[in-house]
Amino acid sequence: MTTQNRAPDLWARLPVLLRAIISSLVITLAAVNVWPLLRLSLGVRLAAIAEVIFVTLYRCWASGGGGSQPAAS
């Protein structure tokens, strides 16, 4: 087996704090941009209900509760 000596990419060279800020902005912007789409297609009342459900599921996924958990052996 051979090992590769590669230089770290740009993401790996960024400080952890900066990577955390960028990642959280991307996650937040993805969740926030759903509201206008729901409001335009469903109206305010249904969009508000759908947004609460979406944000709850999104927070569960973003905190590690996604569906790709390994099966217990």
Protein backbone atom coordinates (compact mmCIF):
# COMPACT_ATOMS: atom_id res chain seq x y z
CA MET A 1 0.00 0.00 0.00
CA THR A 2 1.38 3.40 -0.90
CA THR A 3 0.80 6.64 0.90
CA GLN A 4 0.24 9.93 -0.82
CA ASN A 5 2.01 13.07 0.30
CA ARG A 6 -0.42 15.76 -0.72
CA ALA A 7 -0.43 19.35 0.41
CA PRO A 8 -3.54 20.24 2.41
CA ASP A 9 -6.25 21.99 0.42
CA LEU A 10 -7.49 25.49 1.16
CA TRP A 11 -10.32 24.28 3.44
CA ALA A 12 -7.91 22.29 5.62
CA ARG A 13 -5.58 25.28 5.95
CA LEU A 14 -8.29 27.63 7.21
CA PRO A 15 -8.48 28.10 10.99
CA VAL A 16 -11.17 26.00 12.66
CA LEU A 17 -13.06 29.10 13.82
CA LEU A 18 -13.31 30.43 10.26
CA ARG A 19 -14.42 27.01 8.95
CA ALA A 20 -17.12 26.88 11.64
CA ILE A 21 -18.40 30.34 10.74
CA ILE A 22 -18.52 29.57 7.01
CA SER A 23 -20.23 26.21 7.58
CA SER A 24 -22.85 27.70 9.88
CA LEU A 25 -23.60 30.49 7.39
CA VAL A 26 -24.14 27.97 4.60
CA ILE A 27 -26.43 25.84 6.78
CA THR A 28 -28.37 28.89 7.99
CA LEU A 29 -28.80 30.38 4.52
CA ALA A 30 -30.13 27.08 3.19
CA ALA A 31 -32.81 26.98 5.90
CA VAL A 32 -33.75 30.67 5.70
CA ASN A 33 -34.24 30.69 1.94
CA VAL A 34 -37.04 28.13 2.14
CA TRP A 35 -39.49 30.63 3.72
CA PRO A 36 -39.98 32.85 0.64
CA LEU A 37 -40.56 29.82 -1.57
CA LEU A 38 -43.14 28.38 0.82
CA ARG A 39 -44.86 31.74 1.31
CA LEU A 40 -45.22 32.34 -2.41
CA SER A 41 -46.54 28.87 -3.16
CA LEU A 42 -48.71 28.15 -0.08
CA GLY A 43 -49.79 31.47 1.38
CA VAL A 44 -48.78 32.79 4.77
CA ARG A 45 -50.72 30.46 7.11
CA LEU A 46 -49.76 27.17 5.48
CA ALA A 47 -46.23 28.43 4.84
CA ALA A 48 -45.78 29.25 8.53
CA ILE A 49 -46.86 25.75 9.53
CA ALA A 50 -44.67 24.17 6.87
CA GLU A 51 -41.72 26.33 7.92
CA VAL A 52 -42.01 25.25 11.56
CA ILE A 53 -42.03 21.61 10.48
CA PHE A 54 -39.14 22.17 8.07
CA VAL A 55 -36.97 24.03 10.61
CA THR A 56 -37.61 21.35 13.24
CA LEU A 57 -36.54 18.58 10.86
CA TYR A 58 -33.64 20.65 9.56
CA ARG A 59 -32.30 21.28 13.07
CA CYS A 60 -32.56 17.58 13.81
CA TRP A 61 -30.58 16.79 10.65
CA ALA A 62 -28.00 19.56 11.20
CA SER A 63 -27.32 18.37 14.75
CA GLY A 64 -26.46 14.87 13.54
CA GLY A 65 -29.82 13.17 13.61
CA GLY A 66 -29.84 12.37 9.90
CA GLY A 67 -30.91 9.11 8.35
CA SER A 68 -27.42 7.77 7.58
CA GLN A 69 -26.80 6.19 10.97
CA PRO A 70 -25.01 2.82 10.88
CA ALA A 71 -27.04 -0.18 11.95
CA ALA A 72 -26.36 -1.56 15.41
CA SER A 73 -24.55 -4.88 15.37
